[in-house]
PDB file of N, CA and C in Angstrom:
ATOM      1  N   MET A   1       7.812  -8.649  -5.960  1.00  0.00           N
ATOM      2  CA  MET A   1       7.693  -7.209  -5.997  1.00  0.00           C
ATOM      3  C   MET A   1       6.731  -6.832  -7.118  1.00  0.00           C
ATOM      4  N   THR A   2       5.507  -6.517  -6.714  1.00  0.00           N
ATOM      5  CA  THR A   2       4.474  -6.334  -7.733  1.00  0.00           C
ATOM      6  C   THR A   2       3.656  -5.065  -7.554  1.00  0.00           C
ATOM      7  N   LEU A   3       4.234  -4.035  -7.025  1.00  0.00           N
ATOM      8  CA  LEU A   3       3.485  -2.801  -6.806  1.00  0.00           C
ATOM      9  C   LEU A   3       2.895  -2.280  -8.113  1.00  0.00           C
ATOM     10  N   ASP A   4       3.579  -2.496  -9.226  1.00  0.00           N
ATOM     11  CA  ASP A   4       3.121  -1.994 -10.523  1.00  0.00           C
ATOM     12  C   ASP A   4       2.046  -2.873 -11.172  1.00  0.00           C
ATOM     13  N   LYS A   5       1.714  -3.992 -10.573  1.00  0.00           N
ATOM     14  CA  LYS A   5       0.760  -4.936 -11.162  1.00  0.00           C
ATOM     15  C   LYS A   5      -0.697  -4.648 -10.801  1.00  0.00           C
ATOM     16  N   HIS A   6      -0.939  -3.789  -9.830  1.00  0.00           N
ATOM     17  CA  HIS A   6      -2.293  -3.549  -9.346  1.00  0.00           C
ATOM     18  C   HIS A   6      -2.669  -2.083  -9.534  1.00  0.00           C
ATOM     19  N   LYS A   7      -3.928  -1.838  -9.893  1.00  0.00           N
ATOM     20  CA  LYS A   7      -4.467  -0.482  -9.985  1.00  0.00           C
ATOM     21  C   LYS A   7      -5.199  -0.187  -8.691  1.00  0.00           C
ATOM     22  N   LEU A   8      -4.833   0.911  -8.056  1.00  0.00           N
ATOM     23  CA  LEU A   8      -5.452   1.313  -6.796  1.00  0.00           C
ATOM     24  C   LEU A   8      -6.426   2.453  -7.052  1.00  0.00           C
ATOM     25  N   ASP A   9      -7.629   2.350  -6.511  1.00  0.00           N
ATOM     26  CA  ASP A   9      -8.654   3.374  -6.716  1.00  0.00           C
ATOM     27  C   ASP A   9      -8.143   4.754  -6.330  1.00  0.00           C
ATOM     28  N   GLY A  10      -8.277   5.718  -7.262  1.00  0.00           N
ATOM     29  CA  GLY A  10      -7.921   7.105  -6.996  1.00  0.00           C
ATOM     30  C   GLY A  10      -6.449   7.425  -7.116  1.00  0.00           C
ATOM     31  N   ILE A  11      -5.601   6.436  -7.354  1.00  0.00           N
ATOM     32  CA  ILE A  11      -4.150   6.630  -7.422  1.00  0.00           C
ATOM     33  C   ILE A  11      -3.703   6.423  -8.867  1.00  0.00           C
ATOM     34  N   PRO A  12      -2.887   7.320  -9.420  1.00  0.00           N
ATOM     35  CA  PRO A  12      -2.357   7.058 -10.759  1.00  0.00           C
ATOM     36  C   PRO A  12      -1.615   5.718 -10.784  1.00  0.00           C
ATOM     37  N   GLN A  13      -1.645   5.045 -11.924  1.00  0.00           N
ATOM     38  CA  GLN A  13      -0.982   3.746 -12.028  1.00  0.00           C
ATOM     39  C   GLN A  13       0.475   3.857 -11.584  1.00  0.00           C
ATOM     40  N   ILE A  14       0.869   3.027 -10.656  1.00  0.00           N
ATOM     41  CA  ILE A  14       2.250   2.985 -10.185  1.00  0.00           C
ATOM     42  C   ILE A  14       3.042   2.153 -11.182  1.00  0.00           C
ATOM     43  N   THR A  15       4.148   2.692 -11.667  1.00  0.00           N
ATOM     44  CA  THR A  15       4.929   1.995 -12.689  1.00  0.00           C
ATOM     45  C   THR A  15       6.200   1.354 -12.138  1.00  0.00           C
ATOM     46  N   SER A  16       6.484   1.556 -10.870  1.00  0.00           N
ATOM     47  CA  SER A  16       7.657   0.945 -10.235  1.00  0.00           C
ATOM     48  C   SER A  16       7.242  -0.347  -9.542  1.00  0.00           C
ATOM     49  N   ARG A  17       8.138  -1.312  -9.519  1.00  0.00           N
ATOM     50  CA  ARG A  17       7.852  -2.576  -8.826  1.00  0.00           C
ATOM     51  C   ARG A  17       7.832  -2.397  -7.319  1.00  0.00           C
ATOM     52  N   ILE A  18       8.608  -1.441  -6.796  1.00  0.00           N
ATOM     53  CA  ILE A  18       8.638  -1.112  -5.369  1.00  0.00           C
ATOM     54  C   ILE A  18       8.758   0.401  -5.245  1.00  0.00           C
ATOM     55  N   LEU A  19       8.419   0.918  -4.087  1.00  0.00           N
ATOM     56  CA  LEU A  19       8.573   2.348  -3.789  1.00  0.00           C
ATOM     57  C   LEU A  19       9.019   2.512  -2.343  1.00  0.00           C
ATOM     58  N   PRO A  20       9.768   3.579  -2.067  1.00  0.00           N
ATOM     59  CA  PRO A  20      10.005   3.904  -0.656  1.00  0.00           C
ATOM     60  C   PRO A  20       8.653   4.136   0.028  1.00  0.00           C
ATOM     61  N   VAL A  21       8.522   3.697   1.258  1.00  0.00           N
ATOM     62  CA  VAL A  21       7.257   3.833   1.974  1.00  0.00           C
ATOM     63  C   VAL A  21       6.806   5.286   2.029  1.00  0.00           C
ATOM     64  N   GLU A  22       7.720   6.208   2.196  1.00  0.00           N
ATOM     65  CA  GLU A  22       7.341   7.624   2.268  1.00  0.00           C
ATOM     66  C   GLU A  22       6.642   8.067   0.982  1.00  0.00           C
ATOM     67  N   THR A  23       7.135   7.635  -0.157  1.00  0.00           N
ATOM     68  CA  THR A  23       6.546   7.989  -1.450  1.00  0.00           C
ATOM     69  C   THR A  23       5.185   7.318  -1.618  1.00  0.00           C
ATOM     70  N   PHE A  24       5.118   6.032  -1.308  1.00  0.00           N
ATOM     71  CA  PHE A  24       3.873   5.282  -1.427  1.00  0.00           C
ATOM     72  C   PHE A  24       2.792   5.866  -0.521  1.00  0.00           C
ATOM     73  N   GLU A  25       3.127   6.105   0.723  1.00  0.00           N
ATOM     74  CA  GLU A  25       2.139   6.633   1.665  1.00  0.00           C
ATOM     75  C   GLU A  25       1.711   8.046   1.298  1.00  0.00           C
ATOM     76  N   ALA A  26       2.607   8.843   0.738  1.00  0.00           N
ATOM     77  CA  ALA A  26       2.242  10.197   0.300  1.00  0.00           C
ATOM     78  C   ALA A  26       1.165  10.142  -0.779  1.00  0.00           C
ATOM     79  N   LEU A  27       1.259   9.165  -1.693  1.00  0.00           N
ATOM     80  CA  LEU A  27       0.228   8.992  -2.727  1.00  0.00           C
ATOM     81  C   LEU A  27      -1.124   8.681  -2.091  1.00  0.00           C
ATOM     82  N   LEU A  28      -1.128   7.760  -1.132  1.00  0.00           N
ATOM     83  CA  LEU A  28      -2.379   7.369  -0.483  1.00  0.00           C
ATOM     84  C   LEU A  28      -2.966   8.508   0.349  1.00  0.00           C
ATOM     85  N   LEU A  29      -2.130   9.160   1.112  1.00  0.00           N
ATOM     86  CA  LEU A  29      -2.606  10.255   1.962  1.00  0.00           C
ATOM     87  C   LEU A  29      -3.149  11.417   1.130  1.00  0.00           C
ATOM     88  N   ALA A  30      -2.509  11.713   0.006  1.00  0.00           N
ATOM     89  CA  ALA A  30      -2.969  12.798  -0.864  1.00  0.00           C
ATOM     90  C   ALA A  30      -4.356  12.499  -1.438  1.00  0.00           C
ATOM     91  N   GLU A  31      -4.681  11.223  -1.621  1.00  0.00           N
ATOM     92  CA  GLU A  31      -5.994  10.831  -2.144  1.00  0.00           C
ATOM     93  C   GLU A  31      -7.033  10.711  -1.041  1.00  0.00           C
ATOM     94  N   GLY A  32      -6.625  10.811   0.213  1.00  0.00           N
ATOM     95  CA  GLY A  32      -7.572  10.761   1.324  1.00  0.00           C
ATOM     96  C   GLY A  32      -7.660   9.418   2.022  1.00  0.00           C
ATOM     97  N   TYR A  33      -6.751   8.492   1.712  1.00  0.00           N
ATOM     98  CA  TYR A  33      -6.716   7.221   2.431  1.00  0.00           C
ATOM     99  C   TYR A  33      -6.168   7.455   3.835  1.00  0.00           C
ATOM    100  N   GLN A  34      -6.607   6.614   4.771  1.00  0.00           N
ATOM    101  CA  GLN A  34      -6.113   6.663   6.142  1.00  0.00           C
ATOM    102  C   GLN A  34      -5.592   5.295   6.541  1.00  0.00           C
ATOM    103  N   ARG A  35      -4.459   5.290   7.184  1.00  0.00           N
ATOM    104  CA  ARG A  35      -3.902   4.026   7.685  1.00  0.00           C
ATOM    105  C   ARG A  35      -4.742   3.572   8.867  1.00  0.00           C
ATOM    106  N   VAL A  36      -5.223   2.325   8.814  1.00  0.00           N
ATOM    107  CA  VAL A  36      -6.127   1.865   9.868  1.00  0.00           C
ATOM    108  C   VAL A  36      -5.581   0.696  10.681  1.00  0.00           C
ATOM    109  N   GLY A  37      -4.455   0.136  10.281  1.00  0.00           N
ATOM    110  CA  GLY A  37      -3.905  -0.956  11.069  1.00  0.00           C
ATOM    111  C   GLY A  37      -2.748  -1.631  10.380  1.00  0.00           C
ATOM    112  N   SER A  38      -2.057  -2.463  11.141  1.00  0.00           N
ATOM    113  CA  SER A  38      -0.947  -3.234  10.586  1.00  0.00           C
ATOM    114  C   SER A  38      -0.774  -4.503  11.403  1.00  0.00           C
ATOM    115  N   ALA A  39      -0.075  -5.462  10.798  1.00  0.00           N
ATOM    116  CA  ALA A  39       0.164  -6.742  11.456  1.00  0.00           C
ATOM    117  C   ALA A  39       1.358  -7.415  10.792  1.00  0.00           C
ATOM    118  N   PRO A  40       1.980  -8.361  11.475  1.00  0.00           N
ATOM    119  CA  PRO A  40       3.053  -9.126  10.833  1.00  0.00           C
ATOM    120  C   PRO A  40       2.487  -9.901   9.640  1.00  0.00           C
ATOM    121  N   ALA A  41       3.306 -10.061   8.619  1.00  0.00           N
ATOM    122  CA  ALA A  41       2.913 -10.804   7.422  1.00  0.00           C
ATOM    123  C   ALA A  41       3.944 -11.891   7.144  1.00  0.00           C
ATOM    124  N   GLN A  42       3.617 -12.747   6.211  1.00  0.00           N
ATOM    125  CA  GLN A  42       4.493 -13.845   5.829  1.00  0.00           C
ATOM    126  C   GLN A  42       5.874 -13.322   5.417  1.00  0.00           C
ATOM    127  N   GLY A  43       6.910 -14.073   5.733  1.00  0.00           N
ATOM    128  CA  GLY A  43       8.268 -13.698   5.357  1.00  0.00           C
ATOM    129  C   GLY A  43       8.823 -12.545   6.159  1.00  0.00           C
ATOM    130  N   ASN A  44       8.314 -12.354   7.379  1.00  0.00           N
ATOM    131  CA  ASN A  44       8.800 -11.288   8.250  1.00  0.00           C
ATOM    132  C   ASN A  44       8.451  -9.894   7.734  1.00  0.00           C
ATOM    133  N   ARG A  45       7.528  -9.819   6.786  1.00  0.00           N
ATOM    134  CA  ARG A  45       7.113  -8.526   6.223  1.00  0.00           C
ATOM    135  C   ARG A  45       6.019  -7.921   7.092  1.00  0.00           C
ATOM    136  N   ILE A  46       5.578  -6.723   6.706  1.00  0.00           N
ATOM    137  CA  ILE A  46       4.554  -6.005   7.462  1.00  0.00           C
ATOM    138  C   ILE A  46       3.346  -5.783   6.548  1.00  0.00           C
ATOM    139  N   LYS A  47       2.168  -6.129   7.046  1.00  0.00           N
ATOM    140  CA  LYS A  47       0.920  -5.908   6.312  1.00  0.00           C
ATOM    141  C   LYS A  47       0.275  -4.641   6.880  1.00  0.00           C
ATOM    142  N   VAL A  48      -0.135  -3.729   5.994  1.00  0.00           N
ATOM    143  CA  VAL A  48      -0.733  -2.456   6.422  1.00  0.00           C
ATOM    144  C   VAL A  48      -2.062  -2.273   5.692  1.00  0.00           C
ATOM    145  N   TRP A  49      -3.111  -1.898   6.428  1.00  0.00           N
ATOM    146  CA  TRP A  49      -4.420  -1.654   5.831  1.00  0.00           C
ATOM    147  C   TRP A  49      -4.693  -0.162   5.760  1.00  0.00           C
ATOM    148  N   TRP A  50      -5.285   0.238   4.623  1.00  0.00           N
ATOM    149  CA  TRP A  50      -5.653   1.625   4.365  1.00  0.00           C
ATOM    150  C   TRP A  50      -7.140   1.688   4.025  1.00  0.00           C
ATOM    151  N   SER A  51      -7.826   2.676   4.570  1.00  0.00           N
ATOM    152  CA  SER A  51      -9.256   2.828   4.359  1.00  0.00           C
ATOM    153  C   SER A  51      -9.547   4.181   3.714  1.00  0.00           C
ATOM    154  N   HIS A  52     -10.677   4.254   3.008  1.00  0.00           N
ATOM    155  CA  HIS A  52     -11.109   5.491   2.346  1.00  0.00           C
ATOM    156  C   HIS A  52     -12.631   5.526   2.402  1.00  0.00           C
ATOM    157  N   LEU A  53     -13.200   6.716   2.476  1.00  0.00           N
ATOM    158  CA  LEU A  53     -14.660   6.828   2.559  1.00  0.00           C
ATOM    159  C   LEU A  53     -15.349   6.391   1.272  1.00  0.00           C
ATOM    160  N   GLU A  54     -14.692   6.544   0.119  1.00  0.00           N
ATOM    161  CA  GLU A  54     -15.326   6.236  -1.168  1.00  0.00           C
ATOM    162  C   GLU A  54     -14.668   5.070  -1.905  1.00  0.00           C
ATOM    163  N   HIS A  55     -13.384   4.879  -1.722  1.00  0.00           N
ATOM    164  CA  HIS A  55     -12.655   3.834  -2.441  1.00  0.00           C
ATOM    165  C   HIS A  55     -12.593   2.546  -1.620  1.00  0.00           C
ATOM    166  N   ARG A  56     -12.300   1.452  -2.317  1.00  0.00           N
ATOM    167  CA  ARG A  56     -12.157   0.162  -1.637  1.00  0.00           C
ATOM    168  C   ARG A  56     -10.920   0.169  -0.733  1.00  0.00           C
ATOM    169  N   ARG A  57     -10.975  -0.662   0.296  1.00  0.00           N
ATOM    170  CA  ARG A  57      -9.865  -0.772   1.252  1.00  0.00           C
ATOM    171  C   ARG A  57      -8.634  -1.353   0.549  1.00  0.00           C
ATOM    172  N   ILE A  58      -7.461  -0.909   0.967  1.00  0.00           N
ATOM    173  CA  ILE A  58      -6.191  -1.384   0.413  1.00  0.00           C
ATOM    174  C   ILE A  58      -5.426  -2.148   1.482  1.00  0.00           C
ATOM    175  N   GLU A  59      -4.829  -3.251   1.060  1.00  0.00           N
ATOM    176  CA  GLU A  59      -3.878  -3.983   1.891  1.00  0.00           C
ATOM    177  C   GLU A  59      -2.522  -3.844   1.214  1.00  0.00           C
ATOM    178  N   ALA A  60      -1.535  -3.371   1.943  1.00  0.00           N
ATOM    179  CA  ALA A  60      -0.187  -3.182   1.402  1.00  0.00           C
ATOM    180  C   ALA A  60       0.784  -4.063   2.179  1.00  0.00           C
ATOM    181  N   ILE A  61       1.825  -4.490   1.490  1.00  0.00           N
ATOM    182  CA  ILE A  61       2.879  -5.286   2.118  1.00  0.00           C
ATOM    183  C   ILE A  61       4.173  -4.488   2.039  1.00  0.00           C
ATOM    184  N   TYR A  62       4.793  -4.317   3.212  1.00  0.00           N
ATOM    185  CA  TYR A  62       6.047  -3.575   3.326  1.00  0.00           C
ATOM    186  C   TYR A  62       7.183  -4.545   3.645  1.00  0.00           C
ATOM    187  N   SER A  63       8.389  -4.113   3.363  1.00  0.00           N
ATOM    188  CA  SER A  63       9.578  -4.897   3.691  1.00  0.00           C
ATOM    189  C   SER A  63       9.680  -5.065   5.214  1.00  0.00           C
ATOM    190  N   PRO A  64      10.469  -6.049   5.668  1.00  0.00           N
ATOM    191  CA  PRO A  64      10.583  -6.278   7.118  1.00  0.00           C
ATOM    192  C   PRO A  64      11.006  -5.041   7.917  1.00  0.00           C
ATOM    193  N   ASP A  65      11.814  -4.175   7.321  1.00  0.00           N
ATOM    194  CA  ASP A  65      12.235  -2.966   8.032  1.00  0.00           C
ATOM    195  C   ASP A  65      11.249  -1.812   7.885  1.00  0.00           C
ATOM    196  N   GLY A  66      10.163  -2.012   7.116  1.00  0.00           N
ATOM    197  CA  GLY A  66       9.130  -0.994   6.955  1.00  0.00           C
ATOM    198  C   GLY A  66       9.521   0.162   6.061  1.00  0.00           C
ATOM    199  N   LYS A  67      10.580   0.017   5.279  1.00  0.00           N
ATOM    200  CA  LYS A  67      11.062   1.130   4.461  1.00  0.00           C
ATOM    201  C   LYS A  67      10.659   1.048   2.989  1.00  0.00           C
ATOM    202  N   ILE A  68      10.225  -0.133   2.526  1.00  0.00           N
ATOM    203  CA  ILE A  68       9.897  -0.334   1.115  1.00  0.00           C
ATOM    204  C   ILE A  68       8.481  -0.895   0.989  1.00  0.00           C
ATOM    205  N   ALA A  69       7.658  -0.267   0.140  1.00  0.00           N
ATOM    206  CA  ALA A  69       6.343  -0.824  -0.199  1.00  0.00           C
ATOM    207  C   ALA A  69       6.551  -1.816  -1.330  1.00  0.00           C
ATOM    208  N   ILE A  70       6.176  -3.071  -1.089  1.00  0.00           N
ATOM    209  CA  ILE A  70       6.436  -4.159  -2.032  1.00  0.00           C
ATOM    210  C   ILE A  70       5.246  -4.388  -2.947  1.00  0.00           C
ATOM    211  N   THR A  71       4.055  -4.395  -2.389  1.00  0.00           N
ATOM    212  CA  THR A  71       2.834  -4.589  -3.189  1.00  0.00           C
ATOM    213  C   THR A  71       1.660  -3.971  -2.454  1.00  0.00           C
ATOM    214  N   ALA A  72       0.582  -3.724  -3.186  1.00  0.00           N
ATOM    215  CA  ALA A  72      -0.649  -3.202  -2.601  1.00  0.00           C
ATOM    216  C   ALA A  72      -1.799  -3.598  -3.511  1.00  0.00           C
ATOM    217  N   TYR A  73      -2.937  -3.901  -2.916  1.00  0.00           N
ATOM    218  CA  TYR A  73      -4.080  -4.376  -3.689  1.00  0.00           C
ATOM    219  C   TYR A  73      -5.347  -4.127  -2.872  1.00  0.00           C
ATOM    220  N   HIS A  74      -6.488  -4.145  -3.551  1.00  0.00           N
ATOM    221  CA  HIS A  74      -7.770  -3.972  -2.864  1.00  0.00           C
ATOM    222  C   HIS A  74      -8.225  -5.299  -2.286  1.00  0.00           C
ATOM    223  N   VAL A  75      -8.803  -5.238  -1.103  1.00  0.00           N
ATOM    224  CA  VAL A  75      -9.291  -6.435  -0.427  1.00  0.00           C
ATOM    225  C   VAL A  75     -10.814  -6.477  -0.318  1.00  0.00           C
ATOM    226  N   ASP A  76     -11.503  -5.448  -0.748  1.00  0.00           N
ATOM    227  CA  ASP A  76     -12.979  -5.431  -0.717  1.00  0.00           C
ATOM    228  C   ASP A  76     -13.521  -5.632  -2.102  1.00  0.00           C
TER     229      ASP A  76
END
């Protein structure tokens, strides 16, 4: 659980190790990120990609039930 370990472009530093998906996605949407896709990830988790016109793309990992954002980082 490392959501607080990465700095995301345009988003204030997240200080929690995990966040409810609704809270995490609200931060991204408020900054203008758009969800562009998802796929199964290791450990039965969910990988979600977010895109922005000016910021680098984000890859986020959610819990298997899709309710908790576990980590997020830039992939570009």
